């Protein structure tokens, strides 16, 4: 199987108020099309690790590879390009622009990437919303939707550039059990049907157990 993401000996320190090592010798691989969850108690380092994997945090030692390309040591512009092309994000809080329509929200990352015409991007945004059962809501302002619907729009936004990897930071943290199951099913379908890779941090043991593989963390180390 091809590798979507790989880390070698990642270490990370915080310096405020004192020097503290938050990640210790973290090394693992994620295959293309794998649905991986990262679990562990609050403060174990999983969200810190996710921000390194996403290339948004560059203050670490060790090596990060995305799609067999070394991401460590790249310029901020190069990392922004890798993020836009290879990574989609789904956060606990959807961060939709509330006064914008669902359609506009989904289009934003593709407009930023600038590889397609506005018409093509709009067509693609409709496709992603349809895939998530949200096409009928496309022209509604985001603030008129329920929390579960807003999270589905946020997933559509993460998918607009057809990323290799979808990263989720507690993507079901604010959802009830019904909407949690909907989001899980969407992720599973993306991995199985589209061969997209899912890397999700979660506190939800049931969510983690149903994924392909779980990396468990304790005190900044992978323990399984």
N, C-alpha and C. Protein backbone atom coordinates (compact mmCIF):
# COMPACT_ATOMS: atom_id res chain seq x y z
N UNK A 1 0.84 -1.21 0.00
CA UNK A 1 0.00 0.00 0.00
C UNK A 1 0.87 1.26 0.00
N UNK A 2 0.43 2.27 -0.72
CA UNK A 2 1.17 3.53 -0.78
C UNK A 2 0.97 4.31 0.52
N UNK A 3 2.00 5.09 0.86
CA UNK A 3 1.97 5.88 2.09
C UNK A 3 1.46 7.29 1.81
N UNK A 4 0.47 7.72 2.60
CA UNK A 4 -0.04 9.09 2.48
C UNK A 4 0.76 10.04 3.37
N UNK A 5 1.15 9.54 4.55
CA UNK A 5 1.80 10.40 5.54
C UNK A 5 2.73 9.55 6.39
N UNK A 6 3.87 10.12 6.73
CA UNK A 6 4.84 9.39 7.57
C UNK A 6 5.58 10.39 8.46
N UNK A 7 5.80 9.98 9.72
CA UNK A 7 6.63 10.79 10.61
C UNK A 7 7.82 9.97 11.08
N UNK A 8 8.93 10.65 11.31
CA UNK A 8 10.13 10.02 11.86
C UNK A 8 10.62 10.83 13.04
N UNK A 9 10.58 10.23 14.23
CA UNK A 9 11.21 10.80 15.42
C UNK A 9 10.79 12.25 15.69
N UNK A 10 9.48 12.51 15.63
CA UNK A 10 8.99 13.87 15.90
C UNK A 10 9.09 14.17 17.40
N UNK A 11 9.72 15.29 17.71
CA UNK A 11 9.78 15.77 19.09
C UNK A 11 9.34 17.23 19.12
N UNK A 12 8.67 17.61 20.20
CA UNK A 12 8.15 18.97 20.31
C UNK A 12 8.24 19.43 21.76
N UNK A 13 8.66 20.68 21.93
CA UNK A 13 8.77 21.28 23.27
C UNK A 13 7.88 22.52 23.35
N UNK A 14 7.32 22.75 24.52
CA UNK A 14 6.73 24.04 24.86
C UNK A 14 7.72 24.73 25.80
N UNK A 15 7.74 26.06 25.76
CA UNK A 15 8.74 26.79 26.56
C UNK A 15 8.13 27.76 27.56
N UNK A 16 6.82 27.78 27.66
CA UNK A 16 6.18 28.75 28.53
C UNK A 16 5.26 28.01 29.50
N UNK A 17 5.37 28.10 30.79
CA UNK A 17 6.33 28.95 31.51
C UNK A 17 7.72 28.32 31.66
N UNK A 18 7.82 26.99 31.48
CA UNK A 18 9.13 26.34 31.56
C UNK A 18 9.26 25.39 30.37
N UNK A 19 10.48 24.94 30.10
CA UNK A 19 10.70 24.00 29.00
C UNK A 19 10.05 22.66 29.34
N UNK A 20 9.19 22.21 28.44
CA UNK A 20 8.43 20.98 28.68
C UNK A 20 8.31 20.20 27.38
N UNK A 21 8.70 18.92 27.42
CA UNK A 21 8.62 18.11 26.20
C UNK A 21 7.22 17.54 26.05
N UNK A 22 6.53 17.90 24.97
CA UNK A 22 5.13 17.50 24.79
C UNK A 22 4.99 16.30 23.84
N UNK A 23 5.99 16.08 22.94
CA UNK A 23 5.98 14.91 22.06
C UNK A 23 7.34 14.23 22.12
N UNK A 24 7.34 12.91 22.23
CA UNK A 24 8.58 12.13 22.36
C UNK A 24 8.69 11.11 21.23
N UNK A 25 9.67 11.24 20.38
CA UNK A 25 10.04 10.20 19.38
C UNK A 25 8.82 9.60 18.66
N UNK A 26 7.98 10.46 18.11
CA UNK A 26 6.75 9.97 17.46
C UNK A 26 7.05 9.57 16.02
N UNK A 27 6.83 8.30 15.73
CA UNK A 27 7.05 7.81 14.37
C UNK A 27 5.97 6.82 13.97
N UNK A 28 5.30 7.06 12.85
CA UNK A 28 4.29 6.12 12.34
C UNK A 28 4.01 6.45 10.88
N UNK A 29 3.30 5.54 10.22
CA UNK A 29 2.91 5.71 8.82
C UNK A 29 1.40 5.57 8.69
N UNK A 30 0.83 6.31 7.74
CA UNK A 30 -0.59 6.16 7.43
C UNK A 30 -0.70 5.83 5.94
N UNK A 31 -1.41 4.76 5.63
CA UNK A 31 -1.55 4.35 4.23
C UNK A 31 -2.63 5.15 3.52
N UNK A 32 -2.51 5.26 2.21
CA UNK A 32 -3.55 5.90 1.42
C UNK A 32 -4.84 5.11 1.56
N UNK A 33 -5.95 5.81 1.79
CA UNK A 33 -7.24 5.15 1.94
C UNK A 33 -7.51 4.60 3.33
N UNK A 34 -6.62 4.89 4.28
CA UNK A 34 -6.80 4.40 5.66
C UNK A 34 -7.58 5.43 6.48
N UNK A 35 -8.43 4.95 7.36
CA UNK A 35 -9.19 5.79 8.28
C UNK A 35 -8.56 5.59 9.65
N UNK A 36 -7.71 6.56 10.05
CA UNK A 36 -6.94 6.46 11.29
C UNK A 36 -7.48 7.44 12.31
N UNK A 37 -7.63 6.98 13.54
CA UNK A 37 -7.98 7.89 14.63
C UNK A 37 -6.82 7.97 15.62
N UNK A 38 -6.70 9.12 16.27
CA UNK A 38 -5.71 9.32 17.34
C UNK A 38 -6.49 9.61 18.62
N UNK A 39 -6.24 8.80 19.64
CA UNK A 39 -7.01 8.90 20.88
C UNK A 39 -6.08 9.04 22.08
N UNK A 40 -6.66 9.43 23.20
CA UNK A 40 -5.90 9.60 24.44
C UNK A 40 -6.52 10.69 25.27
N UNK A 41 -6.13 10.75 26.54
CA UNK A 41 -6.70 11.74 27.45
C UNK A 41 -6.30 13.15 27.02
N UNK A 42 -7.05 14.14 27.49
CA UNK A 42 -6.71 15.54 27.25
C UNK A 42 -5.28 15.80 27.72
N UNK A 43 -4.52 16.53 26.91
CA UNK A 43 -3.14 16.85 27.28
C UNK A 43 -2.13 15.80 26.89
N UNK A 44 -2.55 14.74 26.18
CA UNK A 44 -1.60 13.67 25.83
C UNK A 44 -0.76 14.03 24.61
N UNK A 45 -1.12 15.11 23.89
CA UNK A 45 -0.30 15.55 22.76
C UNK A 45 -0.92 15.29 21.40
N UNK A 46 -2.13 14.73 21.36
CA UNK A 46 -2.68 14.33 20.06
C UNK A 46 -3.03 15.53 19.17
N UNK A 47 -3.61 16.59 19.75
CA UNK A 47 -3.93 17.77 18.94
C UNK A 47 -2.66 18.50 18.53
N UNK A 48 -1.67 18.53 19.41
CA UNK A 48 -0.37 19.12 19.07
C UNK A 48 0.24 18.38 17.89
N UNK A 49 0.18 17.05 17.93
CA UNK A 49 0.71 16.25 16.84
C UNK A 49 -0.06 16.51 15.55
N UNK A 50 -1.38 16.63 15.64
CA UNK A 50 -2.18 16.87 14.43
C UNK A 50 -1.77 18.17 13.75
N UNK A 51 -1.48 19.20 14.54
CA UNK A 51 -1.09 20.49 13.95
C UNK A 51 0.29 20.41 13.28
N UNK A 52 1.14 19.52 13.77
CA UNK A 52 2.42 19.28 13.08
C UNK A 52 2.15 18.52 11.78
N UNK A 53 1.30 17.48 11.84
CA UNK A 53 0.98 16.69 10.65
C UNK A 53 0.35 17.57 9.57
N UNK A 54 -0.41 18.57 10.00
CA UNK A 54 -1.10 19.45 9.05
C UNK A 54 -0.19 20.52 8.46
N UNK A 55 1.06 20.57 8.90
CA UNK A 55 2.09 21.54 8.48
C UNK A 55 1.83 22.95 9.03
N UNK A 56 0.84 23.10 9.91
CA UNK A 56 0.57 24.44 10.47
C UNK A 56 1.53 24.78 11.60
N UNK A 57 2.10 23.77 12.24
CA UNK A 57 3.11 23.97 13.29
C UNK A 57 4.44 23.43 12.74
N UNK A 58 5.42 24.30 12.61
CA UNK A 58 6.72 23.90 12.06
C UNK A 58 7.83 23.88 13.11
N UNK A 59 7.46 24.16 14.36
CA UNK A 59 8.47 24.25 15.43
C UNK A 59 8.61 22.89 16.12
N UNK A 60 9.31 21.97 15.45
CA UNK A 60 9.51 20.62 15.97
C UNK A 60 10.80 20.06 15.39
N UNK A 61 11.30 18.96 15.97
CA UNK A 61 12.42 18.25 15.35
C UNK A 61 11.91 16.90 14.86
N UNK A 62 12.65 16.30 13.93
CA UNK A 62 12.21 15.07 13.29
C UNK A 62 11.78 15.37 11.86
N UNK A 63 11.13 14.40 11.22
CA UNK A 63 10.76 14.57 9.82
C UNK A 63 9.30 14.21 9.58
N UNK A 64 8.68 14.98 8.70
CA UNK A 64 7.30 14.74 8.27
C UNK A 64 7.28 14.60 6.76
N UNK A 65 6.70 13.51 6.28
CA UNK A 65 6.54 13.30 4.83
C UNK A 65 5.05 13.26 4.50
N UNK A 66 4.66 13.98 3.47
CA UNK A 66 3.28 13.94 2.98
C UNK A 66 3.33 13.52 1.52
N UNK A 67 2.67 12.41 1.21
CA UNK A 67 2.66 11.87 -0.16
C UNK A 67 4.10 11.66 -0.65
N UNK A 68 4.93 11.08 0.23
CA UNK A 68 6.34 10.76 -0.07
C UNK A 68 7.21 12.00 -0.32
N UNK A 69 6.70 13.16 0.06
CA UNK A 69 7.47 14.40 -0.11
C UNK A 69 7.82 14.93 1.28
N UNK A 70 9.09 15.25 1.50
CA UNK A 70 9.52 15.79 2.79
C UNK A 70 8.92 17.18 2.98
N UNK A 71 8.09 17.34 4.02
CA UNK A 71 7.47 18.64 4.30
C UNK A 71 8.30 19.45 5.29
N UNK A 72 9.10 18.77 6.10
CA UNK A 72 9.94 19.46 7.09
C UNK A 72 10.96 20.34 6.38
N UNK A 73 11.09 21.58 6.87
CA UNK A 73 12.10 22.48 6.31
C UNK A 73 11.65 23.28 5.11
N UNK A 74 10.43 23.10 4.67
CA UNK A 74 9.91 23.88 3.54
C UNK A 74 9.59 25.30 3.97
N UNK A 75 9.55 26.21 2.99
CA UNK A 75 9.16 27.59 3.30
C UNK A 75 7.66 27.64 3.61
N UNK A 76 7.23 28.75 4.22
CA UNK A 76 5.81 28.90 4.54
C UNK A 76 4.95 28.86 3.29
N UNK A 77 5.43 29.46 2.20
CA UNK A 77 4.68 29.43 0.93
C UNK A 77 4.56 28.01 0.39
N UNK A 78 5.65 27.25 0.47
CA UNK A 78 5.62 25.85 0.00
C UNK A 78 4.65 25.02 0.85
N UNK A 79 4.67 25.26 2.16
CA UNK A 79 3.77 24.52 3.06
C UNK A 79 2.31 24.90 2.78
N UNK A 80 2.06 26.17 2.51
CA UNK A 80 0.69 26.61 2.19
C UNK A 80 0.19 25.89 0.94
N UNK A 81 1.08 25.73 -0.04
CA UNK A 81 0.70 25.04 -1.28
C UNK A 81 0.40 23.56 -1.01
N UNK A 82 1.25 22.91 -0.18
CA UNK A 82 1.01 21.50 0.19
C UNK A 82 -0.34 21.37 0.89
N UNK A 83 -0.61 22.29 1.83
CA UNK A 83 -1.89 22.26 2.56
C UNK A 83 -3.08 22.41 1.62
N UNK A 84 -3.00 23.39 0.74
CA UNK A 84 -4.13 23.65 -0.17
C UNK A 84 -4.39 22.49 -1.11
N UNK A 85 -3.32 21.82 -1.54
CA UNK A 85 -3.46 20.76 -2.53
C UNK A 85 -3.71 19.38 -1.89
N UNK A 86 -3.12 19.13 -0.75
CA UNK A 86 -3.08 17.76 -0.22
C UNK A 86 -3.94 17.52 1.01
N UNK A 87 -4.33 18.60 1.72
CA UNK A 87 -4.95 18.42 3.03
C UNK A 87 -6.28 19.19 3.11
N UNK A 88 -7.30 18.52 3.63
CA UNK A 88 -8.57 19.18 3.97
C UNK A 88 -8.76 19.11 5.47
N UNK A 89 -9.33 20.16 6.07
CA UNK A 89 -9.47 20.23 7.53
C UNK A 89 -10.92 20.24 7.96
N UNK A 90 -11.21 19.47 9.01
CA UNK A 90 -12.52 19.54 9.65
C UNK A 90 -12.25 19.70 11.15
N UNK A 91 -12.72 20.81 11.72
CA UNK A 91 -12.46 21.11 13.12
C UNK A 91 -13.70 20.80 13.97
N UNK A 92 -13.52 20.85 15.28
CA UNK A 92 -14.65 20.67 16.19
C UNK A 92 -15.68 21.77 15.97
N UNK A 93 -15.19 23.00 15.80
CA UNK A 93 -16.06 24.13 15.47
C UNK A 93 -15.92 24.35 13.97
N UNK A 94 -17.02 24.41 13.28
CA UNK A 94 -17.00 24.37 11.81
C UNK A 94 -16.33 25.57 11.17
N UNK A 95 -16.29 26.73 11.86
CA UNK A 95 -15.66 27.95 11.33
C UNK A 95 -16.21 28.36 9.96
N UNK A 96 -17.51 28.18 9.77
CA UNK A 96 -18.12 28.69 8.54
C UNK A 96 -18.31 30.20 8.68
N UNK A 97 -18.27 30.90 7.56
CA UNK A 97 -18.59 32.32 7.56
C UNK A 97 -20.12 32.42 7.59
N UNK A 98 -20.64 32.86 8.71
CA UNK A 98 -22.07 32.72 9.00
C UNK A 98 -22.99 33.46 8.02
N UNK A 99 -22.53 34.62 7.53
CA UNK A 99 -23.40 35.40 6.64
C UNK A 99 -23.29 34.93 5.19
N UNK A 100 -22.30 34.07 4.89
CA UNK A 100 -22.14 33.53 3.54
C UNK A 100 -23.06 32.32 3.36
N UNK A 101 -23.44 32.07 2.11
CA UNK A 101 -24.21 30.86 1.82
C UNK A 101 -23.32 29.63 2.01
N UNK A 102 -23.98 28.47 2.15
CA UNK A 102 -23.24 27.20 2.24
C UNK A 102 -22.35 27.05 1.01
N UNK A 103 -22.90 27.36 -0.16
CA UNK A 103 -22.16 27.21 -1.41
C UNK A 103 -20.87 28.04 -1.39
N UNK A 104 -21.01 29.31 -0.98
CA UNK A 104 -19.82 30.20 -0.94
C UNK A 104 -18.78 29.67 0.02
N UNK A 105 -19.22 29.20 1.19
CA UNK A 105 -18.29 28.64 2.18
C UNK A 105 -17.50 27.48 1.60
N UNK A 106 -18.19 26.60 0.87
CA UNK A 106 -17.52 25.43 0.30
C UNK A 106 -16.53 25.84 -0.79
N UNK A 107 -16.85 26.89 -1.52
CA UNK A 107 -16.01 27.32 -2.65
C UNK A 107 -14.69 27.96 -2.22
N UNK A 108 -14.64 28.51 -1.01
CA UNK A 108 -13.50 29.37 -0.61
C UNK A 108 -12.12 28.71 -0.80
N UNK A 109 -11.87 27.46 -0.31
CA UNK A 109 -10.52 26.90 -0.48
C UNK A 109 -10.12 26.72 -1.95
N UNK A 110 -11.10 26.41 -2.81
CA UNK A 110 -10.78 26.23 -4.24
C UNK A 110 -10.51 27.56 -4.91
N UNK A 111 -11.24 28.60 -4.50
CA UNK A 111 -10.97 29.94 -5.03
C UNK A 111 -9.56 30.38 -4.63
N UNK A 112 -9.18 30.03 -3.40
CA UNK A 112 -7.84 30.38 -2.90
C UNK A 112 -6.76 29.64 -3.68
N UNK A 113 -7.03 28.38 -4.00
CA UNK A 113 -6.05 27.58 -4.76
C UNK A 113 -5.90 28.11 -6.18
N UNK A 114 -7.00 28.59 -6.76
CA UNK A 114 -6.95 29.26 -8.06
C UNK A 114 -6.62 28.39 -9.25
N UNK A 115 -6.98 27.11 -9.20
CA UNK A 115 -6.66 26.21 -10.31
C UNK A 115 -7.81 26.03 -11.28
N UNK A 116 -9.02 26.47 -10.87
CA UNK A 116 -10.20 26.30 -11.72
C UNK A 116 -10.94 27.62 -11.85
N UNK A 117 -11.81 27.70 -12.87
CA UNK A 117 -12.65 28.89 -13.04
C UNK A 117 -13.72 28.91 -11.95
N UNK A 118 -14.29 30.08 -11.72
CA UNK A 118 -15.34 30.22 -10.71
C UNK A 118 -16.52 29.29 -11.03
N UNK A 119 -16.85 29.18 -12.31
CA UNK A 119 -17.97 28.31 -12.73
C UNK A 119 -17.68 26.84 -12.39
N UNK A 120 -16.45 26.42 -12.68
CA UNK A 120 -16.06 25.02 -12.37
C UNK A 120 -16.11 24.77 -10.86
N UNK A 121 -15.62 25.75 -10.10
CA UNK A 121 -15.59 25.61 -8.64
C UNK A 121 -17.01 25.53 -8.09
N UNK A 122 -17.91 26.36 -8.63
CA UNK A 122 -19.30 26.35 -8.17
C UNK A 122 -19.95 24.99 -8.46
N UNK A 123 -19.70 24.47 -9.65
CA UNK A 123 -20.25 23.16 -10.03
C UNK A 123 -19.74 22.07 -9.08
N UNK A 124 -18.45 22.13 -8.79
CA UNK A 124 -17.83 21.13 -7.91
C UNK A 124 -18.38 21.26 -6.48
N UNK A 125 -18.59 22.50 -6.02
CA UNK A 125 -19.13 22.73 -4.68
C UNK A 125 -20.54 22.13 -4.57
N UNK A 126 -21.35 22.30 -5.61
CA UNK A 126 -22.67 21.68 -5.61
C UNK A 126 -22.56 20.16 -5.52
N UNK A 127 -21.59 19.59 -6.25
CA UNK A 127 -21.39 18.13 -6.21
C UNK A 127 -21.05 17.65 -4.81
N UNK A 128 -20.14 18.38 -4.14
CA UNK A 128 -19.72 17.98 -2.78
C UNK A 128 -20.90 18.11 -1.81
N UNK A 129 -21.67 19.18 -1.94
CA UNK A 129 -22.83 19.36 -1.07
C UNK A 129 -23.87 18.26 -1.30
N UNK A 130 -24.05 17.88 -2.57
CA UNK A 130 -24.99 16.81 -2.89
C UNK A 130 -24.54 15.49 -2.26
N UNK A 131 -23.24 15.23 -2.34
CA UNK A 131 -22.67 14.01 -1.77
C UNK A 131 -22.95 13.93 -0.27
N UNK A 132 -23.03 15.08 0.39
CA UNK A 132 -23.24 15.13 1.84
C UNK A 132 -24.70 15.40 2.19
N UNK A 133 -25.59 15.29 1.20
CA UNK A 133 -27.01 15.48 1.45
C UNK A 133 -27.39 16.90 1.78
N UNK A 134 -26.59 17.87 1.30
CA UNK A 134 -26.81 19.28 1.65
C UNK A 134 -27.07 20.17 0.44
N UNK A 135 -27.31 19.58 -0.73
CA UNK A 135 -27.48 20.40 -1.95
C UNK A 135 -28.68 21.34 -1.83
N UNK A 136 -29.75 20.85 -1.20
CA UNK A 136 -30.98 21.67 -1.07
C UNK A 136 -30.73 22.93 -0.23
N UNK A 137 -29.71 22.87 0.62
CA UNK A 137 -29.42 24.00 1.52
C UNK A 137 -28.35 24.93 0.96
N UNK A 138 -27.90 24.69 -0.27
CA UNK A 138 -26.71 25.35 -0.82
C UNK A 138 -26.77 26.88 -0.73
N UNK A 139 -27.92 27.46 -0.98
CA UNK A 139 -28.01 28.93 -1.04
C UNK A 139 -28.44 29.56 0.28
N UNK A 140 -28.65 28.73 1.29
CA UNK A 140 -28.99 29.26 2.61
C UNK A 140 -27.76 29.83 3.29
N UNK A 141 -27.91 30.91 4.07
CA UNK A 141 -26.78 31.35 4.89
C UNK A 141 -26.44 30.27 5.92
N UNK A 142 -25.16 30.14 6.24
CA UNK A 142 -24.72 29.09 7.17
C UNK A 142 -25.42 29.19 8.51
N UNK A 143 -25.73 30.43 8.95
CA UNK A 143 -26.33 30.58 10.29
C UNK A 143 -27.78 30.11 10.36
N UNK A 144 -28.35 29.68 9.24
CA UNK A 144 -29.73 29.16 9.25
C UNK A 144 -29.76 27.63 9.37
N UNK A 145 -28.58 27.01 9.50
CA UNK A 145 -28.50 25.55 9.55
C UNK A 145 -28.31 25.06 10.99
N UNK A 146 -28.66 23.80 11.22
CA UNK A 146 -28.39 23.16 12.52
C UNK A 146 -26.89 22.88 12.64
N UNK A 147 -26.45 22.54 13.85
CA UNK A 147 -25.03 22.24 14.07
C UNK A 147 -24.55 21.07 13.22
N UNK A 148 -25.35 20.01 13.14
CA UNK A 148 -24.98 18.85 12.32
C UNK A 148 -24.87 19.19 10.85
N UNK A 149 -25.81 20.03 10.37
CA UNK A 149 -25.77 20.45 8.96
C UNK A 149 -24.54 21.32 8.69
N UNK A 150 -24.23 22.21 9.63
CA UNK A 150 -23.05 23.07 9.44
C UNK A 150 -21.78 22.24 9.38
N UNK A 151 -21.71 21.17 10.19
CA UNK A 151 -20.51 20.33 10.16
C UNK A 151 -20.40 19.60 8.82
N UNK A 152 -21.54 19.23 8.24
CA UNK A 152 -21.50 18.58 6.92
C UNK A 152 -21.04 19.56 5.84
N UNK A 153 -21.46 20.80 5.96
CA UNK A 153 -20.96 21.82 5.02
C UNK A 153 -19.45 22.01 5.20
N UNK A 154 -19.00 21.97 6.45
CA UNK A 154 -17.56 22.10 6.71
C UNK A 154 -16.79 20.93 6.09
N UNK A 155 -17.37 19.74 6.10
CA UNK A 155 -16.72 18.59 5.45
C UNK A 155 -16.68 18.79 3.94
N UNK A 156 -17.78 19.27 3.37
CA UNK A 156 -17.80 19.56 1.92
C UNK A 156 -16.71 20.56 1.57
N UNK A 157 -16.53 21.58 2.42
CA UNK A 157 -15.48 22.58 2.20
C UNK A 157 -14.10 21.92 2.24
N UNK A 158 -13.91 20.99 3.17
CA UNK A 158 -12.62 20.29 3.28
C UNK A 158 -12.34 19.43 2.06
N UNK A 159 -13.41 19.02 1.35
CA UNK A 159 -13.26 18.10 0.21
C UNK A 159 -13.12 18.80 -1.13
N UNK A 160 -13.33 20.11 -1.19
CA UNK A 160 -13.48 20.80 -2.48
C UNK A 160 -12.24 20.66 -3.37
N UNK A 161 -11.05 20.59 -2.79
CA UNK A 161 -9.83 20.45 -3.61
C UNK A 161 -9.39 18.99 -3.78
N UNK A 162 -10.29 18.05 -3.46
CA UNK A 162 -9.98 16.61 -3.55
C UNK A 162 -8.67 16.27 -2.85
N UNK A 163 -8.59 16.58 -1.54
CA UNK A 163 -7.32 16.38 -0.84
C UNK A 163 -6.97 14.90 -0.69
N UNK A 164 -5.67 14.65 -0.62
CA UNK A 164 -5.17 13.30 -0.33
C UNK A 164 -5.56 12.88 1.08
N UNK A 165 -5.47 13.85 2.03
CA UNK A 165 -5.70 13.56 3.46
C UNK A 165 -6.74 14.52 4.01
N UNK A 166 -7.69 13.98 4.75
CA UNK A 166 -8.64 14.82 5.49
C UNK A 166 -8.29 14.70 6.96
N UNK A 167 -7.99 15.83 7.60
CA UNK A 167 -7.61 15.84 9.01
C UNK A 167 -8.74 16.42 9.83
N UNK A 168 -9.10 15.72 10.90
CA UNK A 168 -10.17 16.18 11.77
C UNK A 168 -9.70 16.35 13.20
N UNK A 169 -9.95 17.53 13.77
CA UNK A 169 -9.64 17.75 15.19
C UNK A 169 -10.95 17.73 15.96
N UNK A 170 -11.25 16.60 16.59
CA UNK A 170 -12.52 16.39 17.29
C UNK A 170 -13.71 16.74 16.37
N UNK A 171 -13.77 16.14 15.17
CA UNK A 171 -14.79 16.57 14.20
C UNK A 171 -16.22 16.29 14.63
N UNK A 172 -16.41 15.42 15.64
CA UNK A 172 -17.77 15.14 16.14
C UNK A 172 -17.95 15.64 17.57
N UNK A 173 -17.01 16.44 18.04
CA UNK A 173 -17.00 16.88 19.45
C UNK A 173 -18.24 17.65 19.88
N UNK A 174 -18.88 18.34 18.94
CA UNK A 174 -20.07 19.14 19.28
C UNK A 174 -21.36 18.52 18.79
N UNK A 175 -21.31 17.26 18.33
CA UNK A 175 -22.48 16.66 17.68
C UNK A 175 -23.14 15.61 18.57
N UNK A 176 -24.44 15.43 18.39
CA UNK A 176 -25.15 14.36 19.09
C UNK A 176 -24.83 13.03 18.41
N UNK A 177 -25.35 11.92 18.99
CA UNK A 177 -24.95 10.60 18.51
C UNK A 177 -25.40 10.36 17.06
N UNK A 178 -26.56 10.88 16.69
CA UNK A 178 -27.06 10.68 15.32
C UNK A 178 -26.14 11.35 14.30
N UNK A 179 -25.78 12.61 14.57
CA UNK A 179 -24.91 13.34 13.64
C UNK A 179 -23.47 12.82 13.68
N UNK A 180 -23.05 12.32 14.84
CA UNK A 180 -21.73 11.68 14.93
C UNK A 180 -21.66 10.48 14.00
N UNK A 181 -22.72 9.68 13.99
CA UNK A 181 -22.76 8.51 13.10
C UNK A 181 -22.76 8.93 11.63
N UNK A 182 -23.47 10.00 11.31
CA UNK A 182 -23.49 10.51 9.92
C UNK A 182 -22.08 10.90 9.49
N UNK A 183 -21.37 11.64 10.35
CA UNK A 183 -20.01 12.08 10.02
C UNK A 183 -19.08 10.87 9.89
N UNK A 184 -19.22 9.90 10.80
CA UNK A 184 -18.39 8.69 10.70
C UNK A 184 -18.63 7.99 9.37
N UNK A 185 -19.89 7.83 9.00
CA UNK A 185 -20.23 7.14 7.75
C UNK A 185 -19.65 7.87 6.54
N UNK A 186 -19.68 9.21 6.59
CA UNK A 186 -19.11 10.01 5.49
C UNK A 186 -17.61 9.74 5.38
N UNK A 187 -16.91 9.79 6.51
CA UNK A 187 -15.46 9.55 6.50
C UNK A 187 -15.15 8.14 5.98
N UNK A 188 -15.91 7.16 6.46
CA UNK A 188 -15.67 5.79 6.03
C UNK A 188 -15.86 5.64 4.52
N UNK A 189 -16.90 6.28 4.00
CA UNK A 189 -17.18 6.23 2.57
C UNK A 189 -16.05 6.89 1.77
N UNK A 190 -15.55 8.02 2.26
CA UNK A 190 -14.45 8.72 1.57
C UNK A 190 -13.20 7.84 1.49
N UNK A 191 -12.92 7.14 2.59
CA UNK A 191 -11.74 6.27 2.63
C UNK A 191 -11.93 5.07 1.70
N UNK A 192 -13.08 4.45 1.77
CA UNK A 192 -13.30 3.21 1.01
C UNK A 192 -13.54 3.45 -0.47
N UNK A 193 -14.32 4.48 -0.79
CA UNK A 193 -14.72 4.70 -2.18
C UNK A 193 -13.75 5.61 -2.92
N UNK A 194 -13.30 6.68 -2.26
CA UNK A 194 -12.43 7.67 -2.92
C UNK A 194 -10.95 7.44 -2.65
N UNK A 195 -10.63 6.46 -1.79
CA UNK A 195 -9.24 6.20 -1.39
C UNK A 195 -8.59 7.43 -0.75
N UNK A 196 -9.42 8.26 -0.10
CA UNK A 196 -8.88 9.40 0.64
C UNK A 196 -8.51 8.93 2.05
N UNK A 197 -7.52 9.57 2.62
CA UNK A 197 -6.99 9.17 3.92
C UNK A 197 -7.60 10.06 4.99
N UNK A 198 -8.06 9.46 6.07
CA UNK A 198 -8.64 10.22 7.19
C UNK A 198 -7.71 10.10 8.39
N UNK A 199 -7.35 11.24 8.99
CA UNK A 199 -6.60 11.25 10.25
C UNK A 199 -7.39 12.14 11.21
N UNK A 200 -8.03 11.52 12.21
CA UNK A 200 -8.92 12.26 13.09
C UNK A 200 -8.56 12.08 14.55
N UNK A 201 -8.41 13.20 15.26
CA UNK A 201 -8.26 13.19 16.72
C UNK A 201 -9.65 13.10 17.33
N UNK A 202 -9.82 12.20 18.31
CA UNK A 202 -11.15 12.06 18.91
C UNK A 202 -11.05 11.67 20.39
N UNK A 203 -12.05 12.11 21.16
CA UNK A 203 -12.22 11.65 22.54
C UNK A 203 -13.27 10.53 22.59
N UNK A 204 -13.94 10.31 21.45
CA UNK A 204 -15.08 9.39 21.39
C UNK A 204 -14.57 7.96 21.14
N UNK A 205 -14.62 7.12 22.17
CA UNK A 205 -14.09 5.76 22.05
C UNK A 205 -14.81 4.94 20.99
N UNK A 206 -16.12 5.10 20.89
CA UNK A 206 -16.88 4.34 19.89
C UNK A 206 -16.45 4.74 18.47
N UNK A 207 -16.29 6.03 18.27
CA UNK A 207 -15.84 6.55 16.97
C UNK A 207 -14.48 5.95 16.62
N UNK A 208 -13.57 5.96 17.61
CA UNK A 208 -12.22 5.43 17.38
C UNK A 208 -12.24 3.94 17.09
N UNK A 209 -13.04 3.18 17.86
CA UNK A 209 -13.08 1.72 17.69
C UNK A 209 -13.54 1.30 16.30
N UNK A 210 -14.43 2.09 15.71
CA UNK A 210 -14.99 1.74 14.39
C UNK A 210 -14.07 2.11 13.23
N UNK A 211 -13.05 2.93 13.50
CA UNK A 211 -12.11 3.32 12.43
C UNK A 211 -11.19 2.14 12.11
N UNK A 212 -10.41 2.27 11.04
CA UNK A 212 -9.53 1.17 10.62
C UNK A 212 -8.44 0.89 11.66
N UNK A 213 -7.93 1.96 12.26
CA UNK A 213 -6.81 1.79 13.20
C UNK A 213 -6.78 2.99 14.13
N UNK A 214 -6.41 2.74 15.38
CA UNK A 214 -6.30 3.82 16.36
C UNK A 214 -4.89 3.88 16.92
N UNK A 215 -4.33 5.09 16.89
CA UNK A 215 -3.06 5.35 17.57
C UNK A 215 -3.41 5.94 18.93
N UNK A 216 -3.00 5.25 19.99
CA UNK A 216 -3.29 5.76 21.33
C UNK A 216 -2.07 6.46 21.88
N UNK A 217 -2.32 7.63 22.47
CA UNK A 217 -1.21 8.42 23.00
C UNK A 217 -1.34 8.62 24.50
N UNK A 218 -0.19 8.70 25.17
CA UNK A 218 -0.13 8.97 26.60
C UNK A 218 1.14 9.77 26.84
N UNK A 219 0.99 10.91 27.46
CA UNK A 219 2.15 11.77 27.83
C UNK A 219 3.11 11.99 26.64
N UNK A 220 2.53 12.27 25.48
CA UNK A 220 3.35 12.62 24.33
C UNK A 220 4.00 11.46 23.60
N UNK A 221 3.62 10.24 23.99
CA UNK A 221 4.17 9.05 23.32
C UNK A 221 3.05 8.21 22.74
N UNK A 222 3.36 7.51 21.64
CA UNK A 222 2.44 6.53 21.11
C UNK A 222 2.59 5.25 21.94
N UNK A 223 1.47 4.76 22.51
CA UNK A 223 1.57 3.57 23.35
C UNK A 223 0.98 2.34 22.66
N UNK A 224 0.34 2.53 21.50
CA UNK A 224 -0.03 1.36 20.68
C UNK A 224 -0.32 1.78 19.25
